[in-house]
């Protein structure tokens, strides 16, 4: 299983984190999504068929692009 923390500058509150959790949880293979609004970060655990590219694309489509 893969795990990575992404910096997402558009996060400003818990609602942003919940939106991201909902979007990423729809991806097959995503096992957990945790967010920290203060750090502007999201930590994602996944396994195939999910991958970093799909996660980044989903974040971008949700208007929360990762650095």
N, C-alpha and C. Protein backbone atom coordinates (compact mmCIF):
# COMPACT_ATOMS: atom_id res chain seq x y z
N UNK A 1 0.84 -1.18 0.00
CA UNK A 1 0.00 0.00 0.00
C UNK A 1 0.88 1.24 0.00
N UNK A 2 0.49 2.21 -0.78
CA UNK A 2 1.22 3.47 -0.88
C UNK A 2 0.62 4.49 0.08
N UNK A 3 1.45 5.43 0.52
CA UNK A 3 0.99 6.53 1.38
C UNK A 3 1.79 7.76 1.02
N UNK A 4 1.08 8.88 0.84
CA UNK A 4 1.76 10.12 0.49
C UNK A 4 0.99 11.30 1.06
N UNK A 5 1.74 12.33 1.44
CA UNK A 5 1.14 13.59 1.89
C UNK A 5 1.30 14.62 0.78
N UNK A 6 0.19 15.23 0.44
CA UNK A 6 0.16 16.25 -0.62
C UNK A 6 -0.09 17.61 0.01
N UNK A 7 0.61 18.63 -0.46
CA UNK A 7 0.34 20.01 -0.05
C UNK A 7 -0.73 20.57 -0.98
N UNK A 8 -1.81 21.07 -0.38
CA UNK A 8 -2.93 21.62 -1.15
C UNK A 8 -3.20 23.02 -0.61
N UNK A 9 -2.70 24.03 -1.31
CA UNK A 9 -2.77 25.41 -0.82
C UNK A 9 -4.18 25.96 -0.72
N UNK A 10 -5.14 25.39 -1.45
CA UNK A 10 -6.51 25.89 -1.43
C UNK A 10 -7.29 25.48 -0.19
N UNK A 11 -6.75 24.62 0.65
CA UNK A 11 -7.47 24.20 1.86
C UNK A 11 -7.49 25.36 2.85
N UNK A 12 -8.70 25.70 3.31
CA UNK A 12 -8.79 26.78 4.29
C UNK A 12 -9.58 26.37 5.54
N UNK A 13 -10.28 25.22 5.48
CA UNK A 13 -11.10 24.83 6.63
C UNK A 13 -11.43 23.34 6.57
N UNK A 14 -12.14 22.89 7.60
CA UNK A 14 -12.55 21.49 7.65
C UNK A 14 -13.49 21.11 6.52
N UNK A 15 -14.29 22.07 6.05
CA UNK A 15 -15.19 21.78 4.94
C UNK A 15 -14.40 21.42 3.68
N UNK A 16 -13.30 22.12 3.46
CA UNK A 16 -12.43 21.80 2.31
C UNK A 16 -11.92 20.37 2.42
N UNK A 17 -11.49 20.00 3.62
CA UNK A 17 -10.97 18.64 3.84
C UNK A 17 -12.06 17.61 3.57
N UNK A 18 -13.29 17.87 4.03
CA UNK A 18 -14.39 16.93 3.79
C UNK A 18 -14.69 16.80 2.30
N UNK A 19 -14.64 17.90 1.58
CA UNK A 19 -14.87 17.86 0.13
C UNK A 19 -13.81 16.98 -0.54
N UNK A 20 -12.56 17.17 -0.15
CA UNK A 20 -11.47 16.37 -0.72
C UNK A 20 -11.64 14.90 -0.35
N UNK A 21 -11.97 14.62 0.91
CA UNK A 21 -12.20 13.23 1.33
C UNK A 21 -13.28 12.58 0.48
N UNK A 22 -14.39 13.30 0.27
CA UNK A 22 -15.49 12.75 -0.52
C UNK A 22 -15.06 12.47 -1.96
N UNK A 23 -14.32 13.39 -2.55
CA UNK A 23 -13.87 13.22 -3.94
C UNK A 23 -12.90 12.05 -4.07
N UNK A 24 -11.89 12.00 -3.18
CA UNK A 24 -10.88 10.95 -3.30
C UNK A 24 -11.41 9.58 -2.90
N UNK A 25 -12.37 9.53 -2.00
CA UNK A 25 -12.93 8.25 -1.57
C UNK A 25 -13.67 7.55 -2.70
N UNK A 26 -14.07 8.30 -3.72
CA UNK A 26 -14.74 7.71 -4.88
C UNK A 26 -13.77 6.98 -5.80
N UNK A 27 -12.47 7.20 -5.63
CA UNK A 27 -11.48 6.52 -6.46
C UNK A 27 -11.27 5.09 -5.97
N UNK A 28 -11.36 4.13 -6.88
CA UNK A 28 -11.11 2.74 -6.52
C UNK A 28 -9.68 2.59 -6.04
N UNK A 29 -9.50 1.96 -4.90
CA UNK A 29 -8.17 1.71 -4.36
C UNK A 29 -7.77 2.67 -3.25
N UNK A 30 -8.46 3.81 -3.11
CA UNK A 30 -8.14 4.75 -2.03
C UNK A 30 -8.69 4.18 -0.73
N UNK A 31 -7.80 4.02 0.26
CA UNK A 31 -8.16 3.39 1.53
C UNK A 31 -8.43 4.40 2.64
N UNK A 32 -7.68 5.49 2.66
CA UNK A 32 -7.92 6.51 3.68
C UNK A 32 -7.45 7.86 3.20
N UNK A 33 -8.13 8.90 3.70
CA UNK A 33 -7.79 10.28 3.38
C UNK A 33 -7.88 11.06 4.68
N UNK A 34 -6.79 11.69 5.08
CA UNK A 34 -6.77 12.54 6.27
C UNK A 34 -6.28 13.91 5.86
N UNK A 35 -6.88 14.94 6.44
CA UNK A 35 -6.49 16.29 6.08
C UNK A 35 -6.18 17.14 7.29
N UNK A 36 -5.33 18.13 7.08
CA UNK A 36 -4.95 19.08 8.12
C UNK A 36 -5.05 20.49 7.53
N UNK A 37 -6.17 21.19 7.83
CA UNK A 37 -6.33 22.54 7.25
C UNK A 37 -5.21 23.50 7.64
N UNK A 38 -4.71 23.40 8.87
CA UNK A 38 -3.65 24.32 9.32
C UNK A 38 -2.37 24.12 8.52
N UNK A 39 -2.06 22.86 8.21
CA UNK A 39 -0.85 22.55 7.44
C UNK A 39 -1.09 22.58 5.94
N UNK A 40 -2.37 22.74 5.55
CA UNK A 40 -2.76 22.71 4.14
C UNK A 40 -2.25 21.44 3.46
N UNK A 41 -2.51 20.30 4.14
CA UNK A 41 -2.04 19.03 3.60
C UNK A 41 -3.11 17.94 3.68
N UNK A 42 -2.97 16.99 2.79
CA UNK A 42 -3.84 15.81 2.72
C UNK A 42 -2.92 14.59 2.66
N UNK A 43 -3.18 13.60 3.50
CA UNK A 43 -2.43 12.35 3.47
C UNK A 43 -3.36 11.26 2.95
N UNK A 44 -2.92 10.57 1.91
CA UNK A 44 -3.74 9.56 1.25
C UNK A 44 -3.02 8.22 1.28
N UNK A 45 -3.76 7.17 1.62
CA UNK A 45 -3.26 5.80 1.52
C UNK A 45 -4.04 5.12 0.41
N UNK A 46 -3.32 4.41 -0.47
CA UNK A 46 -4.01 3.75 -1.57
C UNK A 46 -3.26 2.51 -2.02
N UNK A 47 -3.98 1.73 -2.84
CA UNK A 47 -3.41 0.58 -3.52
C UNK A 47 -3.99 0.56 -4.92
N UNK A 48 -3.39 -0.20 -5.84
CA UNK A 48 -3.93 -0.24 -7.20
C UNK A 48 -5.40 -0.65 -7.18
N UNK A 49 -6.22 -0.08 -8.07
CA UNK A 49 -5.85 0.65 -9.28
C UNK A 49 -5.56 2.14 -9.07
N UNK A 50 -5.73 2.67 -7.86
CA UNK A 50 -5.40 4.09 -7.62
C UNK A 50 -3.89 4.30 -7.75
N UNK A 51 -3.51 5.50 -8.15
CA UNK A 51 -2.09 5.86 -8.20
C UNK A 51 -1.96 7.37 -8.00
N UNK A 52 -0.73 7.82 -7.85
CA UNK A 52 -0.50 9.24 -7.57
C UNK A 52 -1.07 10.13 -8.67
N UNK A 53 -0.93 9.73 -9.91
CA UNK A 53 -1.43 10.53 -11.03
C UNK A 53 -2.95 10.71 -10.94
N UNK A 54 -3.67 9.62 -10.66
CA UNK A 54 -5.13 9.70 -10.56
C UNK A 54 -5.55 10.57 -9.37
N UNK A 55 -4.83 10.47 -8.27
CA UNK A 55 -5.13 11.28 -7.10
C UNK A 55 -4.91 12.76 -7.41
N UNK A 56 -3.78 13.08 -8.01
CA UNK A 56 -3.51 14.48 -8.37
C UNK A 56 -4.55 15.01 -9.36
N UNK A 57 -4.94 14.20 -10.32
CA UNK A 57 -5.95 14.62 -11.30
C UNK A 57 -7.29 14.88 -10.63
N UNK A 58 -7.68 14.02 -9.70
CA UNK A 58 -8.95 14.19 -8.98
C UNK A 58 -8.91 15.45 -8.13
N UNK A 59 -7.79 15.71 -7.47
CA UNK A 59 -7.65 16.94 -6.69
C UNK A 59 -7.78 18.16 -7.59
N UNK A 60 -7.14 18.12 -8.74
CA UNK A 60 -7.19 19.25 -9.69
C UNK A 60 -8.62 19.48 -10.17
N UNK A 61 -9.33 18.40 -10.51
CA UNK A 61 -10.71 18.51 -10.99
C UNK A 61 -11.64 19.07 -9.90
N UNK A 62 -11.31 18.83 -8.64
CA UNK A 62 -12.13 19.32 -7.52
C UNK A 62 -11.71 20.74 -7.10
N UNK A 63 -10.80 21.35 -7.87
CA UNK A 63 -10.28 22.70 -7.59
C UNK A 63 -9.44 22.76 -6.32
N UNK A 64 -8.79 21.65 -6.00
CA UNK A 64 -7.83 21.59 -4.89
C UNK A 64 -6.52 20.98 -5.41
N UNK A 65 -5.86 21.65 -6.38
CA UNK A 65 -4.64 21.06 -6.95
C UNK A 65 -3.53 20.91 -5.92
N UNK A 66 -2.82 19.80 -6.01
CA UNK A 66 -1.69 19.54 -5.12
C UNK A 66 -0.42 20.10 -5.72
N UNK A 67 0.44 20.61 -4.87
CA UNK A 67 1.76 21.11 -5.31
C UNK A 67 2.68 19.95 -5.60
